[in-house]
Amino acid sequence: MARTIGVIGDRWTLLILRECFLRTRRFEGFQSALGITRHLLAERLKKLVRLGVLRRIPYQESPKRFEYILTQKGLDLYPVMMAIVHWGDTHMVDERGRPLLHEHQNCGKHFNPVMICSECGDPLHAKHVHVHPGPGARPPSEVKAKSAKAKARTRAA
């Protein structure tokens, strides 16, 4: 989770990604939609390109201008973005309702994004999921050592 937050964990990056999924591609389009400063937008776009979430493709030569297109790595963030949208649509709407409706092109219906188990197809709920260490988990001794270092830094500060 920490590595993912390092990529998408700030407000502006999430809003830029939202705009990408709404098919905004050009610097001016992002700036207009978000009201973000040019410097901050350029910084976030560079980071997303460097990390392989977006591709920068020229669309004009003089002056040179670029479009920002989601890579497969970026497109794979769609469920994350939809989960955030769904939480907001559930807990943060006012009496007017949702600001955007999402329509599934295959069936033509508006939908609520839901997470389902890839094995049985049942909806996933936090109370019904158990977590176990996977093959990439740190050994317990490494986790304890890192925790002790963090505590020592906190005491020193």
Protein backbone atom coordinates (compact mmCIF):
# COMPACT_ATOMS: atom_id res chain seq x y z
CA MET A 1 0.00 0.00 0.00
CA ALA A 2 2.82 2.44 0.86
CA ARG A 3 4.37 2.06 -2.61
CA THR A 4 1.02 2.80 -4.25
CA ILE A 5 0.48 5.87 -2.07
CA GLY A 6 3.93 7.04 -3.15
CA VAL A 7 2.60 7.14 -6.71
CA ILE A 8 -0.99 8.37 -6.32
CA GLY A 9 -1.22 9.52 -2.71
CA ASP A 10 -1.70 13.25 -3.04
CA ARG A 11 -4.79 15.25 -3.89
CA TRP A 12 -3.56 16.73 -7.18
CA THR A 13 -2.32 13.43 -8.57
CA LEU A 14 -5.67 11.78 -7.86
CA LEU A 15 -7.50 14.68 -9.51
CA ILE A 16 -5.21 14.52 -12.55
CA LEU A 17 -5.92 10.79 -12.82
CA ARG A 18 -9.66 11.48 -12.52
CA GLU A 19 -9.35 13.88 -15.45
CA CYS A 20 -7.42 11.26 -17.44
CA PHE A 21 -10.27 8.80 -16.95
CA LEU A 22 -12.67 11.56 -18.05
CA ARG A 23 -10.53 11.72 -21.22
CA THR A 24 -8.64 14.96 -20.57
CA ARG A 25 -5.29 14.69 -22.33
CA ARG A 26 -3.75 18.13 -22.71
CA PHE A 27 -1.95 20.35 -20.22
CA GLU A 28 -4.39 23.23 -20.76
CA GLY A 29 -7.33 20.88 -20.26
CA PHE A 30 -5.98 19.68 -16.92
CA GLN A 31 -5.23 23.21 -15.80
CA SER A 32 -8.67 24.48 -16.80
CA ALA A 33 -10.55 21.60 -15.17
CA LEU A 34 -8.55 21.62 -11.94
CA GLY A 35 -7.48 25.23 -11.39
CA ILE A 36 -3.99 23.96 -10.53
CA THR A 37 -0.86 26.10 -10.99
CA ARG A 38 1.23 25.41 -14.10
CA HIS A 39 4.28 24.52 -11.99
CA LEU A 40 2.42 22.01 -9.81
CA LEU A 41 0.65 20.44 -12.78
CA ALA A 42 3.92 20.08 -14.71
CA GLU A 43 5.56 18.49 -11.66
CA ARG A 44 2.76 15.94 -11.17
CA LEU A 45 2.57 15.07 -14.88
CA LYS A 46 6.36 14.53 -15.02
CA LYS A 47 6.14 12.21 -12.01
CA LEU A 48 3.30 10.19 -13.54
CA VAL A 49 5.25 9.88 -16.82
CA ARG A 50 8.47 8.92 -14.97
CA LEU A 51 6.61 6.22 -13.03
CA GLY A 52 5.00 4.83 -16.19
CA VAL A 53 1.40 5.76 -15.33
CA LEU A 54 1.13 8.20 -18.25
CA ARG A 55 2.78 8.42 -21.67
CA ARG A 56 3.72 11.83 -23.07
CA ILE A 57 3.00 12.05 -26.80
CA PRO A 58 3.65 15.13 -28.98
CA TYR A 59 0.63 16.48 -30.84
CA GLN A 60 2.09 19.80 -32.08
CA GLU A 61 5.59 20.78 -33.20
CA SER A 62 5.74 24.58 -33.06
CA PRO A 63 5.48 25.24 -30.20
CA LYS A 64 6.01 21.66 -29.06
CA ARG A 65 2.99 20.43 -27.09
CA PHE A 66 2.12 17.05 -25.63
CA GLU A 67 -0.84 14.88 -24.75
CA TYR A 68 -0.79 12.66 -21.68
CA ILE A 69 -2.23 9.20 -22.25
CA LEU A 70 -2.83 6.53 -19.62
CA THR A 71 -0.53 3.51 -20.02
CA GLN A 72 -1.71 0.03 -19.07
CA LYS A 73 -0.22 0.70 -15.64
CA GLY A 74 -2.38 3.83 -15.45
CA LEU A 75 -5.50 2.08 -16.76
CA ASP A 76 -5.02 -0.54 -14.04
CA LEU A 77 -5.72 2.23 -11.50
CA TYR A 78 -9.35 2.41 -12.70
CA PRO A 79 -10.74 0.13 -9.95
CA VAL A 80 -8.90 2.22 -7.33
CA MET A 81 -10.35 5.43 -8.73
CA MET A 82 -13.85 3.94 -8.96
CA ALA A 83 -13.63 2.76 -5.34
CA ILE A 84 -12.83 6.34 -4.28
CA VAL A 85 -15.67 7.68 -6.44
CA HIS A 86 -18.10 5.15 -4.98
CA TRP A 87 -17.11 6.05 -1.41
CA GLY A 88 -17.71 9.72 -2.18
CA ASP A 89 -21.03 8.95 -3.88
CA THR A 90 -22.09 6.98 -0.81
CA HIS A 91 -20.87 9.28 1.97
CA MET A 92 -20.24 12.77 0.60
CA VAL A 93 -23.17 13.68 -1.69
CA ASP A 94 -25.72 16.32 -0.84
CA GLU A 95 -29.45 16.35 -1.59
CA ARG A 96 -28.76 16.86 -5.32
CA GLY A 97 -27.17 13.41 -5.56
CA ARG A 98 -24.11 12.19 -7.42
CA PRO A 99 -22.16 14.68 -9.51
CA LEU A 100 -21.46 12.08 -12.24
CA LEU A 101 -23.26 8.92 -13.32
CA HIS A 102 -21.27 6.06 -14.80
CA GLU A 103 -22.84 4.02 -17.60
CA HIS A 104 -21.63 0.57 -18.58
CA GLN A 105 -21.46 0.55 -22.38
CA ASN A 106 -22.11 -3.18 -22.63
CA CYS A 107 -25.53 -3.07 -20.94
CA GLY A 108 -26.34 0.65 -21.12
CA LYS A 109 -27.13 0.88 -17.38
CA HIS A 110 -25.84 3.23 -14.72
CA PHE A 111 -23.88 1.26 -12.16
CA ASN A 112 -22.29 1.24 -8.72
CA PRO A 113 -18.75 -0.14 -8.76
CA VAL A 114 -18.46 -3.16 -6.50
CA MET A 115 -15.58 -5.43 -5.56
CA ILE A 116 -16.16 -9.12 -5.96
CA CYS A 117 -14.13 -12.19 -5.14
CA SER A 118 -12.22 -13.34 -8.23
CA GLU A 119 -12.82 -16.96 -7.17
CA CYS A 120 -16.53 -17.17 -6.26
CA GLY A 121 -18.00 -13.89 -7.50
CA ASP A 122 -19.49 -12.88 -4.13
CA PRO A 123 -19.23 -9.21 -3.07
CA LEU A 124 -16.24 -8.44 -0.83
CA HIS A 125 -16.72 -6.85 2.58
CA ALA A 126 -13.91 -6.04 5.04
CA LYS A 127 -15.46 -8.15 7.81
CA HIS A 128 -15.36 -11.24 5.60
CA VAL A 129 -11.70 -11.08 4.49
CA HIS A 130 -8.69 -12.55 6.29
CA VAL A 131 -5.17 -11.42 5.37
CA HIS A 132 -2.13 -13.72 5.39
CA PRO A 133 1.54 -13.04 4.55
CA GLY A 134 2.31 -13.58 0.87
CA PRO A 135 5.51 -14.59 -0.88
CA GLY A 136 6.70 -10.96 -1.03
CA ALA A 137 6.13 -10.26 2.68
CA ARG A 138 9.04 -9.09 4.78
CA PRO A 139 10.34 -11.56 7.35
CA PRO A 140 9.02 -10.73 10.87
CA SER A 141 12.54 -9.85 12.07
CA GLU A 142 12.89 -7.21 9.32
CA VAL A 143 9.50 -5.68 10.21
CA LYS A 144 10.47 -5.48 13.91
CA ALA A 145 13.84 -3.90 13.07
CA LYS A 146 12.21 -1.26 10.84
CA SER A 147 9.63 -0.51 13.55
CA ALA A 148 12.36 -0.09 16.18
CA LYS A 149 14.26 2.35 13.90
CA ALA A 150 11.08 4.39 13.36
CA LYS A 151 10.47 4.56 17.13
CA ALA A 152 14.06 5.66 17.74
CA ARG A 153 13.74 8.46 15.14
CA THR A 154 10.49 9.62 16.79
CA ARG A 155 12.15 9.76 20.22
CA ALA A 156 15.15 11.65 18.79
CA ALA A 157 12.92 14.29 17.19
